[in-house]
Amino acid sequence: TIAPPPTLPAVVAFAGADGKINVWDLDKGDCFFSHVNILNHGPVEPVSNRGSLSGFLDIQFSPDGLLLVATDESGRVTILDALSS
């Protein structure tokens, strides 16, 4: 899944079935932020999945561009602060 922020046309976030989010500056050709979605916190069913990767299904920036929100195949929502990322 690909998501551009509303105010930065040269930036794009990619989230994939591999459980990774990468945010790229297309003008520079640099990945400046990465996140790996490992199931370490909260309830995990089955318990044997704890510590494994969970693939992302969708990703979007908030309308103001301050948050990056992603959903995964385990039914979880990940919210990242786009300013500190």
N, C-alpha and C. Protein backbone atom coordinates (compact mmCIF):
# COMPACT_ATOMS: atom_id res chain seq x y z
N THR A 1 0.85 -1.17 0.00
CA THR A 1 0.00 0.00 0.00
C THR A 1 0.89 1.24 0.00
N ILE A 2 0.49 2.26 -0.72
CA ILE A 2 1.26 3.49 -0.84
C ILE A 2 0.40 4.66 -0.34
N ALA A 3 1.03 5.56 0.44
CA ALA A 3 0.30 6.72 0.95
C ALA A 3 1.18 7.96 0.90
N PRO A 4 0.76 8.99 0.15
CA PRO A 4 1.48 10.27 0.20
C PRO A 4 0.89 11.16 1.29
N PRO A 5 1.72 11.93 1.98
CA PRO A 5 1.15 12.88 2.95
C PRO A 5 0.48 14.03 2.19
N PRO A 6 -0.48 14.71 2.82
CA PRO A 6 -1.23 15.74 2.12
C PRO A 6 -0.43 16.99 1.75
N THR A 7 0.70 17.23 2.42
CA THR A 7 1.42 18.49 2.20
C THR A 7 2.82 18.33 1.62
N LEU A 8 3.31 17.10 1.46
CA LEU A 8 4.66 16.89 0.96
C LEU A 8 4.64 15.95 -0.25
N PRO A 9 4.51 16.47 -1.45
CA PRO A 9 4.36 15.61 -2.62
C PRO A 9 5.57 14.74 -2.93
N ALA A 10 6.75 15.09 -2.41
CA ALA A 10 7.95 14.29 -2.68
C ALA A 10 8.15 13.16 -1.68
N VAL A 11 7.26 13.05 -0.70
CA VAL A 11 7.37 12.00 0.33
C VAL A 11 6.26 10.99 0.12
N VAL A 12 6.60 9.71 0.33
CA VAL A 12 5.59 8.66 0.21
C VAL A 12 5.91 7.56 1.21
N ALA A 13 4.85 6.99 1.80
CA ALA A 13 5.00 5.88 2.74
C ALA A 13 4.53 4.60 2.06
N PHE A 14 5.30 3.54 2.24
CA PHE A 14 4.96 2.22 1.72
C PHE A 14 4.77 1.27 2.89
N ALA A 15 3.70 0.49 2.88
CA ALA A 15 3.47 -0.54 3.90
C ALA A 15 3.17 -1.83 3.16
N GLY A 16 3.77 -2.93 3.63
CA GLY A 16 3.60 -4.16 2.87
C GLY A 16 3.25 -5.38 3.68
N ALA A 17 2.98 -6.46 2.96
CA ALA A 17 2.65 -7.74 3.56
C ALA A 17 3.84 -8.32 4.32
N ASP A 18 5.03 -7.75 4.11
CA ASP A 18 6.22 -8.20 4.83
C ASP A 18 6.29 -7.62 6.24
N GLY A 19 5.29 -6.77 6.61
CA GLY A 19 5.25 -6.19 7.95
C GLY A 19 6.14 -4.98 8.12
N LYS A 20 6.53 -4.35 7.03
CA LYS A 20 7.43 -3.20 7.10
C LYS A 20 6.78 -1.95 6.53
N ILE A 21 7.07 -0.81 7.19
CA ILE A 21 6.72 0.51 6.68
C ILE A 21 8.02 1.20 6.35
N ASN A 22 8.10 1.78 5.17
CA ASN A 22 9.24 2.59 4.77
C ASN A 22 8.70 3.91 4.24
N VAL A 23 9.31 5.02 4.68
CA VAL A 23 8.93 6.34 4.21
C VAL A 23 10.12 6.90 3.43
N TRP A 24 9.81 7.29 2.19
CA TRP A 24 10.85 7.73 1.26
C TRP A 24 10.69 9.19 0.88
N ASP A 25 11.84 9.85 0.72
CA ASP A 25 11.90 11.16 0.09
C ASP A 25 12.27 10.88 -1.37
N LEU A 26 11.30 11.04 -2.27
CA LEU A 26 11.51 10.68 -3.68
C LEU A 26 12.48 11.63 -4.38
N ASP A 27 12.56 12.89 -3.94
CA ASP A 27 13.52 13.82 -4.54
C ASP A 27 14.96 13.41 -4.26
N LYS A 28 15.21 12.94 -3.03
CA LYS A 28 16.57 12.54 -2.65
C LYS A 28 16.84 11.06 -2.91
N GLY A 29 15.77 10.28 -3.08
CA GLY A 29 15.96 8.84 -3.26
C GLY A 29 16.37 8.12 -1.98
N ASP A 30 16.00 8.69 -0.83
CA ASP A 30 16.39 8.14 0.47
C ASP A 30 15.20 7.66 1.27
N CYS A 31 15.36 6.50 1.89
CA CYS A 31 14.39 6.04 2.88
C CYS A 31 14.82 6.63 4.22
N PHE A 32 14.00 7.51 4.80
CA PHE A 32 14.40 8.18 6.03
C PHE A 32 13.69 7.67 7.27
N PHE A 33 12.77 6.70 7.10
CA PHE A 33 12.12 6.10 8.26
C PHE A 33 11.69 4.68 7.92
N SER A 34 11.90 3.76 8.87
CA SER A 34 11.45 2.37 8.72
C SER A 34 10.84 1.88 10.02
N HIS A 35 9.86 1.02 9.91
CA HIS A 35 9.21 0.42 11.07
C HIS A 35 8.90 -1.04 10.72
N VAL A 36 9.20 -1.95 11.65
CA VAL A 36 8.90 -3.37 11.47
C VAL A 36 7.81 -3.75 12.47
N ASN A 37 6.76 -4.40 11.99
CA ASN A 37 5.58 -4.73 12.78
C ASN A 37 5.71 -6.12 13.40
N ILE A 38 6.34 -6.19 14.57
CA ILE A 38 6.53 -7.46 15.27
C ILE A 38 5.50 -7.57 16.39
N LEU A 39 4.83 -8.71 16.47
CA LEU A 39 3.78 -8.93 17.48
C LEU A 39 4.41 -9.24 18.83
N ASN A 40 4.74 -8.19 19.58
CA ASN A 40 5.35 -8.37 20.90
C ASN A 40 4.46 -7.90 22.04
N HIS A 41 3.47 -7.06 21.77
CA HIS A 41 2.67 -6.44 22.83
C HIS A 41 1.20 -6.77 22.67
N GLY A 42 0.52 -6.82 23.80
CA GLY A 42 -0.92 -7.07 23.78
C GLY A 42 -1.24 -8.53 23.54
N PRO A 43 -2.53 -8.84 23.45
CA PRO A 43 -2.93 -10.22 23.23
C PRO A 43 -2.57 -10.67 21.81
N VAL A 44 -2.06 -11.88 21.71
CA VAL A 44 -1.69 -12.46 20.42
C VAL A 44 -2.32 -13.84 20.34
N GLU A 45 -3.11 -14.07 19.30
CA GLU A 45 -3.76 -15.36 19.08
C GLU A 45 -3.34 -15.93 17.74
N PRO A 46 -2.85 -17.14 17.68
CA PRO A 46 -2.44 -17.98 18.80
C PRO A 46 -1.16 -17.46 19.44
N VAL A 47 -0.94 -17.85 20.67
CA VAL A 47 0.21 -17.38 21.44
C VAL A 47 1.52 -17.67 20.71
N SER A 48 1.54 -18.72 19.91
CA SER A 48 2.77 -19.07 19.17
C SER A 48 3.14 -18.00 18.14
N ASN A 49 2.24 -17.07 17.83
CA ASN A 49 2.54 -15.98 16.89
C ASN A 49 3.31 -14.83 17.52
N ARG A 50 3.44 -14.83 18.86
CA ARG A 50 4.17 -13.76 19.53
C ARG A 50 5.60 -13.71 18.98
N GLY A 51 6.04 -12.52 18.64
CA GLY A 51 7.38 -12.32 18.10
C GLY A 51 7.46 -12.44 16.59
N SER A 52 6.35 -12.79 15.94
CA SER A 52 6.38 -12.92 14.48
C SER A 52 5.95 -11.60 13.83
N LEU A 53 6.21 -11.49 12.54
CA LEU A 53 5.79 -10.31 11.78
C LEU A 53 4.33 -10.41 11.41
N SER A 54 3.65 -9.27 11.35
CA SER A 54 2.27 -9.20 10.89
C SER A 54 2.23 -8.21 9.73
N GLY A 55 1.79 -8.66 8.57
CA GLY A 55 1.78 -7.84 7.38
C GLY A 55 0.77 -6.70 7.45
N PHE A 56 1.12 -5.60 6.84
CA PHE A 56 0.22 -4.45 6.80
C PHE A 56 -0.76 -4.58 5.65
N LEU A 57 -1.99 -4.12 5.87
CA LEU A 57 -3.04 -4.15 4.85
C LEU A 57 -3.28 -2.78 4.23
N ASP A 58 -3.14 -1.72 5.03
CA ASP A 58 -3.43 -0.38 4.55
C ASP A 58 -2.61 0.63 5.35
N ILE A 59 -2.35 1.76 4.74
CA ILE A 59 -1.62 2.85 5.41
C ILE A 59 -2.14 4.18 4.87
N GLN A 60 -2.27 5.16 5.75
CA GLN A 60 -2.72 6.50 5.37
C GLN A 60 -2.10 7.52 6.32
N PHE A 61 -1.86 8.71 5.80
CA PHE A 61 -1.52 9.84 6.65
C PHE A 61 -2.82 10.47 7.12
N SER A 62 -2.81 11.06 8.31
CA SER A 62 -3.97 11.82 8.77
C SER A 62 -4.14 13.04 7.86
N PRO A 63 -5.33 13.65 7.83
CA PRO A 63 -5.55 14.80 6.95
C PRO A 63 -4.57 15.95 7.16
N ASP A 64 -4.08 16.13 8.39
CA ASP A 64 -3.12 17.20 8.65
C ASP A 64 -1.68 16.75 8.43
N GLY A 65 -1.47 15.47 8.10
CA GLY A 65 -0.13 14.95 7.82
C GLY A 65 0.72 14.68 9.04
N LEU A 66 0.16 14.82 10.24
CA LEU A 66 0.94 14.66 11.46
C LEU A 66 1.05 13.22 11.94
N LEU A 67 0.12 12.36 11.52
CA LEU A 67 0.11 10.97 11.96
C LEU A 67 0.12 10.05 10.74
N LEU A 68 0.76 8.90 10.92
CA LEU A 68 0.74 7.84 9.92
C LEU A 68 0.03 6.67 10.58
N VAL A 69 -1.05 6.19 9.96
CA VAL A 69 -1.89 5.15 10.55
C VAL A 69 -1.91 3.94 9.62
N ALA A 70 -1.64 2.76 10.19
CA ALA A 70 -1.61 1.53 9.39
C ALA A 70 -2.39 0.43 10.10
N THR A 71 -3.04 -0.42 9.31
CA THR A 71 -3.73 -1.59 9.84
C THR A 71 -3.00 -2.83 9.37
N ASP A 72 -3.10 -3.90 10.21
CA ASP A 72 -2.39 -5.12 9.83
C ASP A 72 -3.31 -6.32 9.81
N GLU A 73 -2.77 -7.44 9.34
CA GLU A 73 -3.56 -8.65 9.18
C GLU A 73 -3.95 -9.31 10.50
N SER A 74 -3.41 -8.82 11.61
CA SER A 74 -3.76 -9.32 12.93
C SER A 74 -4.87 -8.50 13.57
N GLY A 75 -5.40 -7.50 12.83
CA GLY A 75 -6.48 -6.67 13.35
C GLY A 75 -6.00 -5.52 14.20
N ARG A 76 -4.74 -5.20 14.14
CA ARG A 76 -4.18 -4.12 14.95
C ARG A 76 -4.06 -2.84 14.14
N VAL A 77 -4.01 -1.73 14.86
CA VAL A 77 -3.79 -0.43 14.25
C VAL A 77 -2.49 0.13 14.82
N THR A 78 -1.61 0.59 13.94
CA THR A 78 -0.36 1.22 14.34
C THR A 78 -0.47 2.69 14.02
N ILE A 79 -0.19 3.55 15.01
CA ILE A 79 -0.21 5.00 14.81
C ILE A 79 1.18 5.53 15.11
N LEU A 80 1.76 6.18 14.11
CA LEU A 80 3.11 6.73 14.24
C LEU A 80 3.05 8.25 14.12
N ASP A 81 3.84 8.93 14.94
CA ASP A 81 3.96 10.38 14.89
C ASP A 81 4.84 10.74 13.70
N ALA A 82 4.27 11.35 12.69
CA ALA A 82 5.02 11.66 11.47
C ALA A 82 6.08 12.73 11.69
N LEU A 83 5.93 13.58 12.67
CA LEU A 83 6.92 14.63 12.91
C LEU A 83 8.18 14.07 13.54
N SER A 84 8.05 13.17 14.51
CA SER A 84 9.24 12.64 15.17
C SER A 84 9.82 11.47 14.38
N SER A 85 9.07 10.95 13.42
CA SER A 85 9.57 9.85 12.60
C SER A 85 10.47 10.41 11.54
